[in-house]
């Protein structure tokens, strides 16, 4: 997939947003011991697990793409 295609840019933006949500959640856990995902979905463990898996997959894909992404200077 070429970097200048709109599909790639949309995928990259989606992956970055999902990873940012995960980073914010980990920051909240580290600073205040407050899990935002658990707060919103405490009665639905399947959803919580799915969210964590999605964040992990997004971060893993970003790590694999890191060497291929050309950052604008």
N, C-alpha and C. Protein backbone atom coordinates (compact mmCIF):
# COMPACT_ATOMS: atom_id res chain seq x y z
N UNK A 1 0.85 -1.18 0.00
CA UNK A 1 0.00 0.00 0.00
C UNK A 1 0.89 1.25 0.00
N UNK A 2 0.64 2.15 -0.92
CA UNK A 2 1.47 3.35 -1.04
C UNK A 2 1.06 4.39 -0.02
N UNK A 3 2.03 5.14 0.47
CA UNK A 3 1.77 6.12 1.53
C UNK A 3 0.95 7.31 1.07
N UNK A 4 0.96 7.63 -0.22
CA UNK A 4 0.22 8.79 -0.68
C UNK A 4 -1.24 8.49 -1.00
N UNK A 5 -1.64 7.25 -0.89
CA UNK A 5 -3.04 6.89 -1.13
C UNK A 5 -3.90 7.30 0.05
N UNK A 6 -5.12 7.77 -0.21
CA UNK A 6 -6.02 8.17 0.88
C UNK A 6 -6.35 7.02 1.83
N UNK A 7 -6.41 5.78 1.30
CA UNK A 7 -6.73 4.63 2.14
C UNK A 7 -5.64 4.41 3.18
N UNK A 8 -4.38 4.57 2.77
CA UNK A 8 -3.26 4.40 3.70
C UNK A 8 -3.29 5.47 4.77
N UNK A 9 -3.54 6.70 4.36
CA UNK A 9 -3.58 7.81 5.31
C UNK A 9 -4.72 7.63 6.31
N UNK A 10 -5.87 7.14 5.84
CA UNK A 10 -7.00 6.89 6.73
C UNK A 10 -6.68 5.77 7.71
N UNK A 11 -6.07 4.70 7.22
CA UNK A 11 -5.68 3.58 8.09
C UNK A 11 -4.67 4.04 9.14
N UNK A 12 -3.69 4.82 8.71
CA UNK A 12 -2.68 5.32 9.63
C UNK A 12 -3.31 6.21 10.69
N UNK A 13 -4.23 7.09 10.29
CA UNK A 13 -4.91 7.97 11.24
C UNK A 13 -5.71 7.15 12.24
N UNK A 14 -6.42 6.13 11.77
CA UNK A 14 -7.21 5.27 12.66
C UNK A 14 -6.31 4.53 13.65
N UNK A 15 -5.21 3.99 13.17
CA UNK A 15 -4.28 3.29 14.05
C UNK A 15 -3.68 4.23 15.09
N UNK A 16 -3.34 5.45 14.68
CA UNK A 16 -2.79 6.43 15.61
C UNK A 16 -3.81 6.83 16.67
N UNK A 17 -5.06 7.01 16.26
CA UNK A 17 -6.10 7.38 17.22
C UNK A 17 -6.33 6.27 18.24
N UNK A 18 -6.39 5.03 17.78
CA UNK A 18 -6.59 3.90 18.69
C UNK A 18 -5.42 3.80 19.66
N UNK A 19 -4.20 3.95 19.14
CA UNK A 19 -3.02 3.88 20.01
C UNK A 19 -2.98 5.03 21.00
N UNK A 20 -3.42 6.21 20.57
CA UNK A 20 -3.46 7.36 21.47
C UNK A 20 -4.45 7.13 22.61
N UNK A 21 -5.59 6.54 22.31
CA UNK A 21 -6.56 6.21 23.36
C UNK A 21 -5.93 5.26 24.37
N UNK A 22 -5.20 4.26 23.88
CA UNK A 22 -4.51 3.33 24.77
C UNK A 22 -3.46 4.03 25.62
N UNK A 23 -2.71 4.96 25.00
CA UNK A 23 -1.68 5.68 25.74
C UNK A 23 -2.30 6.57 26.82
N UNK A 24 -3.39 7.22 26.49
CA UNK A 24 -4.09 8.06 27.49
C UNK A 24 -4.58 7.19 28.64
N UNK A 25 -5.15 6.04 28.31
CA UNK A 25 -5.64 5.14 29.35
C UNK A 25 -4.50 4.69 30.27
N UNK A 26 -3.34 4.33 29.68
CA UNK A 26 -2.20 3.91 30.50
C UNK A 26 -1.67 5.07 31.33
N UNK A 27 -1.71 6.27 30.79
CA UNK A 27 -1.31 7.43 31.58
C UNK A 27 -2.21 7.65 32.78
N UNK A 28 -3.52 7.48 32.57
CA UNK A 28 -4.45 7.62 33.68
C UNK A 28 -4.24 6.53 34.74
N UNK A 29 -3.94 5.34 34.27
CA UNK A 29 -3.67 4.24 35.22
C UNK A 29 -2.41 4.55 36.02
N UNK A 30 -1.38 5.02 35.34
CA UNK A 30 -0.12 5.30 36.01
C UNK A 30 -0.19 6.46 36.99
N UNK A 31 -0.92 7.51 36.62
CA UNK A 31 -0.97 8.71 37.47
C UNK A 31 -1.99 8.57 38.60
N UNK A 32 -3.21 8.18 38.24
CA UNK A 32 -4.29 8.16 39.23
C UNK A 32 -4.87 6.78 39.52
N UNK A 33 -4.26 5.73 38.95
CA UNK A 33 -4.79 4.37 39.12
C UNK A 33 -6.25 4.31 38.68
N UNK A 34 -6.56 4.97 37.55
CA UNK A 34 -7.92 5.05 37.02
C UNK A 34 -7.93 4.47 35.62
N UNK A 35 -8.65 3.37 35.44
CA UNK A 35 -8.75 2.70 34.14
C UNK A 35 -10.02 3.19 33.45
N UNK A 36 -9.86 4.02 32.41
CA UNK A 36 -10.99 4.62 31.71
C UNK A 36 -11.84 3.56 31.01
N UNK A 37 -11.21 2.58 30.41
CA UNK A 37 -11.94 1.51 29.72
C UNK A 37 -12.79 0.73 30.72
N UNK A 38 -12.21 0.39 31.84
CA UNK A 38 -12.94 -0.34 32.87
C UNK A 38 -14.08 0.50 33.44
N UNK A 39 -13.87 1.80 33.55
CA UNK A 39 -14.90 2.71 34.06
C UNK A 39 -16.14 2.70 33.16
N UNK A 40 -15.93 2.76 31.84
CA UNK A 40 -17.07 2.81 30.92
C UNK A 40 -17.71 1.46 30.65
N UNK A 41 -16.93 0.39 30.72
CA UNK A 41 -17.44 -0.94 30.34
C UNK A 41 -17.26 -1.97 31.44
N UNK A 42 -17.41 -1.58 32.69
CA UNK A 42 -17.12 -2.48 33.81
C UNK A 42 -18.01 -3.72 33.86
N UNK A 43 -19.20 -3.64 33.30
CA UNK A 43 -20.10 -4.79 33.37
C UNK A 43 -19.98 -5.69 32.14
N UNK A 44 -19.10 -5.35 31.21
CA UNK A 44 -18.98 -6.12 29.98
C UNK A 44 -17.51 -6.52 29.74
N UNK A 45 -17.07 -7.60 30.39
CA UNK A 45 -15.66 -8.01 30.26
C UNK A 45 -15.24 -8.37 28.83
N UNK A 46 -16.18 -8.84 28.01
CA UNK A 46 -15.84 -9.18 26.63
C UNK A 46 -15.48 -7.92 25.85
N UNK A 47 -16.20 -6.84 26.09
CA UNK A 47 -15.91 -5.57 25.41
C UNK A 47 -14.57 -5.02 25.88
N UNK A 48 -14.31 -5.09 27.18
CA UNK A 48 -13.04 -4.61 27.73
C UNK A 48 -11.87 -5.36 27.08
N UNK A 49 -11.97 -6.67 27.03
CA UNK A 49 -10.91 -7.48 26.43
C UNK A 49 -10.75 -7.15 24.95
N UNK A 50 -11.87 -6.94 24.24
CA UNK A 50 -11.82 -6.60 22.82
C UNK A 50 -11.14 -5.25 22.59
N UNK A 51 -11.42 -4.29 23.46
CA UNK A 51 -10.79 -2.97 23.34
C UNK A 51 -9.29 -3.09 23.54
N UNK A 52 -8.87 -3.82 24.57
CA UNK A 52 -7.44 -3.99 24.83
C UNK A 52 -6.75 -4.72 23.68
N UNK A 53 -7.40 -5.72 23.12
CA UNK A 53 -6.83 -6.46 21.99
C UNK A 53 -6.71 -5.54 20.77
N UNK A 54 -7.75 -4.73 20.52
CA UNK A 54 -7.72 -3.79 19.40
C UNK A 54 -6.58 -2.79 19.54
N UNK A 55 -6.40 -2.26 20.74
CA UNK A 55 -5.32 -1.30 21.00
C UNK A 55 -3.96 -1.98 20.79
N UNK A 56 -3.82 -3.21 21.27
CA UNK A 56 -2.57 -3.94 21.09
C UNK A 56 -2.26 -4.23 19.63
N UNK A 57 -3.27 -4.59 18.87
CA UNK A 57 -3.08 -4.85 17.43
C UNK A 57 -2.70 -3.56 16.72
N UNK A 58 -3.38 -2.46 17.05
CA UNK A 58 -3.07 -1.17 16.42
C UNK A 58 -1.63 -0.76 16.70
N UNK A 59 -1.20 -0.90 17.93
CA UNK A 59 0.18 -0.56 18.27
C UNK A 59 1.18 -1.46 17.57
N UNK A 60 0.86 -2.73 17.46
CA UNK A 60 1.76 -3.67 16.77
C UNK A 60 1.89 -3.33 15.29
N UNK A 61 0.78 -3.01 14.65
CA UNK A 61 0.82 -2.64 13.24
C UNK A 61 1.63 -1.36 13.05
N UNK A 62 1.44 -0.39 13.94
CA UNK A 62 2.22 0.84 13.85
C UNK A 62 3.72 0.57 13.99
N UNK A 63 4.08 -0.34 14.88
CA UNK A 63 5.49 -0.69 15.04
C UNK A 63 6.04 -1.33 13.76
N UNK A 64 5.25 -2.16 13.11
CA UNK A 64 5.69 -2.79 11.87
C UNK A 64 5.81 -1.77 10.74
N UNK A 65 4.93 -0.77 10.74
CA UNK A 65 4.95 0.25 9.70
C UNK A 65 5.96 1.35 9.96
N UNK A 66 6.50 1.40 11.15
CA UNK A 66 7.37 2.50 11.54
C UNK A 66 8.54 2.72 10.59
N UNK A 67 9.13 1.66 10.13
CA UNK A 67 10.24 1.77 9.20
C UNK A 67 9.82 2.17 7.80
N UNK A 68 8.57 2.01 7.45
CA UNK A 68 8.10 2.30 6.10
C UNK A 68 7.44 3.68 5.98
N UNK A 69 7.12 4.28 7.09
CA UNK A 69 6.43 5.59 7.06
C UNK A 69 7.46 6.68 6.85
N UNK A 70 7.22 7.50 5.85
CA UNK A 70 8.08 8.66 5.63
C UNK A 70 7.40 9.85 6.26
N UNK A 71 8.04 10.43 7.25
CA UNK A 71 7.46 11.57 7.94
C UNK A 71 7.71 12.83 7.11
N UNK A 72 6.70 13.70 7.09
CA UNK A 72 6.84 14.98 6.39
C UNK A 72 7.82 15.86 7.14
N UNK A 73 8.72 16.49 6.43
CA UNK A 73 9.72 17.34 7.08
C UNK A 73 9.32 18.79 6.98
